[in-house]
Amino acid sequence: MFDLLRKYRRLEAEMRERRRRELLARTVSALNKLSSRVKFREAYIFGSITKPYMFFDSSDVDVAFLGLEEDKLFFTVAFLSEEIGRDVDVIELEKVPFRDKILREGIRWRQS
């Protein structure tokens, strides 16, 4: 019985990981689309979406920006949430004390 439970949990974790990778790809695609509508210098995807097996169905997507066009914060949140199909937290790196951690650990977006 415990083997069956272990197999189920492993399968569940693998499915969650597959969804995380798909969502990460959708986030990159959404940033590509956003870049033609809003000006920003750099974007970083960070948080649980960047960590294998740490992203859950209740997790949101975290994206940090450098040089985000003034007055475009709410548009950016709405656009990314709509494109990705998930709640998105948008951070302006100029305004947070943990900027260095995001720059060091986040996935830097590059336009493709």
N, C-alpha and C. Protein backbone atom coordinates (compact mmCIF):
# COMPACT_ATOMS: atom_id res chain seq x y z
N MET A 1 0.82 -1.19 0.00
CA MET A 1 0.00 0.00 0.00
C MET A 1 0.87 1.26 0.00
N PHE A 2 1.95 1.24 0.77
CA PHE A 2 2.83 2.41 0.81
C PHE A 2 3.53 2.62 -0.53
N ASP A 3 3.84 1.53 -1.23
CA ASP A 3 4.44 1.65 -2.56
C ASP A 3 3.49 2.33 -3.52
N LEU A 4 2.21 1.99 -3.43
CA LEU A 4 1.20 2.60 -4.29
C LEU A 4 1.08 4.10 -3.99
N LEU A 5 1.11 4.45 -2.73
CA LEU A 5 1.04 5.86 -2.34
C LEU A 5 2.28 6.61 -2.83
N ARG A 6 3.44 6.00 -2.70
CA ARG A 6 4.68 6.63 -3.19
C ARG A 6 4.62 6.84 -4.70
N LYS A 7 4.14 5.84 -5.42
CA LYS A 7 4.02 5.96 -6.88
C LYS A 7 3.06 7.08 -7.25
N TYR A 8 1.95 7.16 -6.53
CA TYR A 8 0.97 8.21 -6.80
C TYR A 8 1.58 9.59 -6.56
N ARG A 9 2.27 9.75 -5.45
CA ARG A 9 2.89 11.05 -5.14
C ARG A 9 3.97 11.42 -6.15
N ARG A 10 4.73 10.42 -6.59
CA ARG A 10 5.76 10.68 -7.59
C ARG A 10 5.12 11.10 -8.92
N LEU A 11 4.06 10.41 -9.33
CA LEU A 11 3.35 10.75 -10.56
C LEU A 11 2.75 12.16 -10.46
N GLU A 12 2.17 12.46 -9.31
CA GLU A 12 1.60 13.79 -9.09
C GLU A 12 2.69 14.87 -9.18
N ALA A 13 3.84 14.62 -8.58
CA ALA A 13 4.95 15.57 -8.63
C ALA A 13 5.46 15.75 -10.06
N GLU A 14 5.53 14.68 -10.82
CA GLU A 14 5.98 14.77 -12.21
C GLU A 14 4.99 15.56 -13.06
N MET A 15 3.70 15.37 -12.82
CA MET A 15 2.69 16.14 -13.56
C MET A 15 2.78 17.62 -13.21
N ARG A 16 2.96 17.92 -11.92
CA ARG A 16 3.12 19.31 -11.48
C ARG A 16 4.35 19.94 -12.11
N GLU A 17 5.43 19.18 -12.19
CA GLU A 17 6.67 19.69 -12.78
C GLU A 17 6.48 19.96 -14.27
N ARG A 18 5.76 19.09 -14.95
CA ARG A 18 5.48 19.32 -16.37
C ARG A 18 4.67 20.60 -16.56
N ARG A 19 3.66 20.81 -15.70
CA ARG A 19 2.86 22.04 -15.77
C ARG A 19 3.73 23.27 -15.48
N ARG A 20 4.67 23.15 -14.53
CA ARG A 20 5.56 24.27 -14.21
C ARG A 20 6.39 24.66 -15.43
N ARG A 21 6.96 23.67 -16.10
CA ARG A 21 7.78 23.95 -17.28
C ARG A 21 6.95 24.58 -18.41
N GLU A 22 5.72 24.09 -18.59
CA GLU A 22 4.84 24.67 -19.60
C GLU A 22 4.49 26.10 -19.25
N LEU A 23 4.22 26.35 -17.98
CA LEU A 23 3.89 27.70 -17.53
C LEU A 23 5.08 28.64 -17.67
N LEU A 24 6.26 28.14 -17.41
CA LEU A 24 7.48 28.95 -17.60
C LEU A 24 7.63 29.34 -19.07
N ALA A 25 7.38 28.41 -19.97
CA ALA A 25 7.44 28.72 -21.40
C ALA A 25 6.37 29.74 -21.79
N ARG A 26 5.16 29.63 -21.22
CA ARG A 26 4.11 30.61 -21.50
C ARG A 26 4.48 31.98 -20.96
N THR A 27 5.18 32.01 -19.83
CA THR A 27 5.61 33.28 -19.25
C THR A 27 6.62 33.97 -20.17
N VAL A 28 7.56 33.22 -20.69
CA VAL A 28 8.54 33.78 -21.64
C VAL A 28 7.82 34.30 -22.87
N SER A 29 6.87 33.54 -23.39
CA SER A 29 6.10 33.97 -24.57
C SER A 29 5.31 35.25 -24.27
N ALA A 30 4.71 35.31 -23.09
CA ALA A 30 3.95 36.50 -22.70
C ALA A 30 4.86 37.72 -22.58
N LEU A 31 6.07 37.54 -22.07
CA LEU A 31 7.02 38.66 -21.99
C LEU A 31 7.43 39.11 -23.38
N ASN A 32 7.58 38.18 -24.31
CA ASN A 32 7.88 38.56 -25.69
C ASN A 32 6.78 39.45 -26.26
N LYS A 33 5.52 39.06 -26.03
CA LYS A 33 4.39 39.86 -26.52
C LYS A 33 4.33 41.21 -25.81
N LEU A 34 4.54 41.19 -24.50
CA LEU A 34 4.48 42.43 -23.71
C LEU A 34 5.52 43.43 -24.19
N SER A 35 6.68 42.96 -24.59
CA SER A 35 7.77 43.86 -24.98
C SER A 35 7.43 44.71 -26.20
N SER A 36 6.44 44.31 -26.98
CA SER A 36 6.03 45.13 -28.12
C SER A 36 4.97 46.16 -27.72
N ARG A 37 4.49 46.08 -26.48
CA ARG A 37 3.45 46.99 -26.00
C ARG A 37 3.90 47.93 -24.89
N VAL A 38 4.90 47.48 -24.12
CA VAL A 38 5.37 48.23 -22.96
C VAL A 38 6.89 48.26 -23.00
N LYS A 39 7.46 49.42 -22.67
CA LYS A 39 8.92 49.52 -22.64
C LYS A 39 9.46 49.11 -21.28
N PHE A 40 10.53 48.31 -21.30
CA PHE A 40 11.28 47.96 -20.10
C PHE A 40 12.67 47.52 -20.54
N ARG A 41 13.64 47.69 -19.63
CA ARG A 41 15.03 47.33 -19.96
C ARG A 41 15.29 45.84 -19.79
N GLU A 42 14.85 45.30 -18.67
CA GLU A 42 15.11 43.89 -18.37
C GLU A 42 13.92 43.32 -17.61
N ALA A 43 13.78 41.99 -17.69
CA ALA A 43 12.77 41.29 -16.90
C ALA A 43 13.39 40.02 -16.35
N TYR A 44 12.97 39.66 -15.15
CA TYR A 44 13.46 38.46 -14.48
C TYR A 44 12.27 37.66 -13.95
N ILE A 45 12.25 36.40 -14.27
CA ILE A 45 11.25 35.49 -13.73
C ILE A 45 11.90 34.87 -12.49
N PHE A 46 11.19 34.89 -11.37
CA PHE A 46 11.79 34.39 -10.13
C PHE A 46 10.74 33.69 -9.28
N GLY A 47 11.18 33.16 -8.18
CA GLY A 47 10.25 32.49 -7.26
C GLY A 47 10.09 31.02 -7.58
N SER A 48 8.98 30.46 -7.11
CA SER A 48 8.80 29.01 -7.20
C SER A 48 8.72 28.48 -8.62
N ILE A 49 8.31 29.31 -9.58
CA ILE A 49 8.24 28.84 -10.96
C ILE A 49 9.63 28.49 -11.52
N THR A 50 10.66 29.00 -10.90
CA THR A 50 12.03 28.73 -11.38
C THR A 50 12.66 27.53 -10.68
N LYS A 51 11.93 26.95 -9.73
CA LYS A 51 12.50 25.87 -8.91
C LYS A 51 11.79 24.54 -9.21
N PRO A 52 12.50 23.59 -9.78
CA PRO A 52 11.89 22.29 -10.08
C PRO A 52 11.21 21.67 -8.85
N TYR A 53 10.02 21.19 -9.07
CA TYR A 53 9.20 20.49 -8.07
C TYR A 53 8.76 21.37 -6.89
N MET A 54 8.91 22.67 -7.00
CA MET A 54 8.50 23.57 -5.92
C MET A 54 7.29 24.42 -6.30
N PHE A 55 6.77 24.27 -7.51
CA PHE A 55 5.63 25.05 -7.98
C PHE A 55 4.36 24.23 -7.81
N PHE A 56 3.34 24.83 -7.21
CA PHE A 56 2.09 24.13 -6.92
C PHE A 56 0.93 24.82 -7.64
N ASP A 57 -0.22 24.16 -7.65
CA ASP A 57 -1.39 24.71 -8.33
C ASP A 57 -1.80 26.06 -7.76
N SER A 58 -1.53 26.31 -6.51
CA SER A 58 -1.90 27.57 -5.87
C SER A 58 -0.82 28.65 -6.03
N SER A 59 0.31 28.32 -6.63
CA SER A 59 1.41 29.27 -6.78
C SER A 59 1.09 30.33 -7.83
N ASP A 60 1.62 31.52 -7.61
CA ASP A 60 1.51 32.56 -8.63
C ASP A 60 2.84 32.64 -9.38
N VAL A 61 2.89 33.53 -10.36
CA VAL A 61 4.10 33.73 -11.15
C VAL A 61 4.68 35.08 -10.75
N ASP A 62 5.98 35.12 -10.49
CA ASP A 62 6.66 36.35 -10.08
C ASP A 62 7.56 36.84 -11.21
N VAL A 63 7.37 38.11 -11.59
CA VAL A 63 8.19 38.71 -12.64
C VAL A 63 8.65 40.07 -12.14
N ALA A 64 9.94 40.32 -12.26
CA ALA A 64 10.52 41.60 -11.84
C ALA A 64 11.03 42.34 -13.07
N PHE A 65 10.89 43.66 -13.05
CA PHE A 65 11.30 44.49 -14.18
C PHE A 65 12.27 45.56 -13.74
N LEU A 66 13.20 45.87 -14.62
CA LEU A 66 14.04 47.06 -14.51
C LEU A 66 13.59 48.00 -15.62
N GLY A 67 13.36 49.24 -15.26
CA GLY A 67 13.01 50.24 -16.26
C GLY A 67 11.63 50.07 -16.86
N LEU A 68 10.68 49.56 -16.08
CA LEU A 68 9.31 49.41 -16.58
C LEU A 68 8.73 50.79 -16.87
N GLU A 69 8.16 50.92 -18.04
CA GLU A 69 7.58 52.19 -18.48
C GLU A 69 6.64 52.73 -17.41
N GLU A 70 6.78 54.02 -17.13
CA GLU A 70 5.99 54.68 -16.10
C GLU A 70 4.50 54.51 -16.38
N ASP A 71 3.73 54.29 -15.33
CA ASP A 71 2.28 54.15 -15.40
C ASP A 71 1.82 52.90 -16.15
N LYS A 72 2.67 51.90 -16.31
CA LYS A 72 2.28 50.67 -17.01
C LYS A 72 2.23 49.46 -16.08
N LEU A 73 2.36 49.67 -14.79
CA LEU A 73 2.39 48.55 -13.85
C LEU A 73 1.09 47.74 -13.90
N PHE A 74 -0.05 48.40 -13.78
CA PHE A 74 -1.32 47.67 -13.74
C PHE A 74 -1.63 47.01 -15.08
N PHE A 75 -1.32 47.70 -16.17
CA PHE A 75 -1.49 47.09 -17.49
C PHE A 75 -0.63 45.83 -17.60
N THR A 76 0.60 45.91 -17.12
CA THR A 76 1.53 44.78 -17.19
C THR A 76 1.01 43.59 -16.40
N VAL A 77 0.52 43.83 -15.19
CA VAL A 77 -0.04 42.75 -14.37
C VAL A 77 -1.22 42.11 -15.09
N ALA A 78 -2.15 42.94 -15.58
CA ALA A 78 -3.34 42.41 -16.25
C ALA A 78 -2.97 41.65 -17.53
N PHE A 79 -2.07 42.21 -18.32
CA PHE A 79 -1.67 41.57 -19.57
C PHE A 79 -1.03 40.21 -19.31
N LEU A 80 -0.06 40.17 -18.40
CA LEU A 80 0.63 38.91 -18.12
C LEU A 80 -0.33 37.87 -17.53
N SER A 81 -1.19 38.29 -16.61
CA SER A 81 -2.15 37.36 -16.01
C SER A 81 -3.06 36.76 -17.07
N GLU A 82 -3.53 37.59 -17.97
CA GLU A 82 -4.41 37.12 -19.05
C GLU A 82 -3.67 36.16 -19.98
N GLU A 83 -2.47 36.53 -20.38
CA GLU A 83 -1.69 35.70 -21.31
C GLU A 83 -1.28 34.35 -20.69
N ILE A 84 -0.92 34.39 -19.42
CA ILE A 84 -0.41 33.19 -18.76
C ILE A 84 -1.55 32.33 -18.21
N GLY A 85 -2.65 32.99 -17.83
CA GLY A 85 -3.76 32.26 -17.23
C GLY A 85 -3.54 31.94 -15.77
N ARG A 86 -2.85 32.84 -15.09
CA ARG A 86 -2.50 32.62 -13.69
C ARG A 86 -2.24 33.99 -13.05
N ASP A 87 -2.42 34.09 -11.73
CA ASP A 87 -2.08 35.32 -11.03
C ASP A 87 -0.59 35.61 -11.20
N VAL A 88 -0.28 36.89 -11.42
CA VAL A 88 1.10 37.31 -11.62
C VAL A 88 1.41 38.45 -10.65
N ASP A 89 2.53 38.33 -9.95
CA ASP A 89 3.05 39.43 -9.13
C ASP A 89 4.13 40.12 -9.94
N VAL A 90 3.99 41.43 -10.10
CA VAL A 90 4.99 42.21 -10.83
C VAL A 90 5.72 43.10 -9.83
N ILE A 91 7.03 43.06 -9.90
CA ILE A 91 7.90 43.82 -9.01
C ILE A 91 8.72 44.80 -9.85
N GLU A 92 8.81 46.03 -9.38
CA GLU A 92 9.72 47.00 -10.00
C GLU A 92 11.02 46.95 -9.19
N LEU A 93 12.07 46.47 -9.81
CA LEU A 93 13.32 46.22 -9.10
C LEU A 93 13.92 47.48 -8.47
N GLU A 94 13.64 48.62 -9.03
CA GLU A 94 14.17 49.86 -8.47
C GLU A 94 13.59 50.15 -7.08
N LYS A 95 12.48 49.49 -6.73
CA LYS A 95 11.75 49.83 -5.51
C LYS A 95 11.81 48.77 -4.42
N VAL A 96 12.60 47.72 -4.59
CA VAL A 96 12.61 46.65 -3.58
C VAL A 96 14.01 46.44 -3.00
N PRO A 97 14.09 46.11 -1.72
CA PRO A 97 15.40 45.91 -1.09
C PRO A 97 16.06 44.57 -1.45
N PHE A 98 15.30 43.63 -2.01
CA PHE A 98 15.86 42.32 -2.35
C PHE A 98 16.21 42.19 -3.83
N ARG A 99 16.49 43.32 -4.45
CA ARG A 99 16.82 43.37 -5.87
C ARG A 99 17.99 42.45 -6.24
N ASP A 100 19.06 42.49 -5.46
CA ASP A 100 20.25 41.69 -5.78
C ASP A 100 19.94 40.20 -5.79
N LYS A 101 19.10 39.75 -4.89
CA LYS A 101 18.71 38.33 -4.83
C LYS A 101 17.97 37.93 -6.11
N ILE A 102 17.06 38.77 -6.57
CA ILE A 102 16.32 38.48 -7.81
C ILE A 102 17.27 38.48 -9.00
N LEU A 103 18.16 39.45 -9.07
CA LEU A 103 19.12 39.51 -10.18
C LEU A 103 20.03 38.29 -10.18
N ARG A 104 20.37 37.81 -9.02
CA ARG A 104 21.27 36.67 -8.89
C ARG A 104 20.56 35.33 -9.16
N GLU A 105 19.33 35.18 -8.65
CA GLU A 105 18.66 33.89 -8.70
C GLU A 105 17.58 33.77 -9.77
N GLY A 106 17.11 34.89 -10.27
CA GLY A 106 16.03 34.84 -11.25
C GLY A 106 16.51 34.42 -12.64
N ILE A 107 15.55 34.10 -13.48
CA ILE A 107 15.84 33.77 -14.88
C ILE A 107 15.68 35.05 -15.68
N ARG A 108 16.77 35.51 -16.26
CA ARG A 108 16.72 36.75 -17.03
C ARG A 108 16.05 36.49 -18.37
N TRP A 109 15.01 37.27 -18.65
CA TRP A 109 14.29 37.15 -19.91
C TRP A 109 15.07 37.86 -21.00
N ARG A 110 15.15 37.20 -22.13
CA ARG A 110 15.76 37.80 -23.31
C ARG A 110 14.77 37.63 -24.45
N GLN A 111 14.57 38.70 -25.18
CA GLN A 111 13.60 38.63 -26.27
C GLN A 111 14.04 37.60 -27.30
N SER A 112 13.07 36.77 -27.70
CA SER A 112 13.40 35.73 -28.70
C SER A 112 12.78 36.04 -30.04
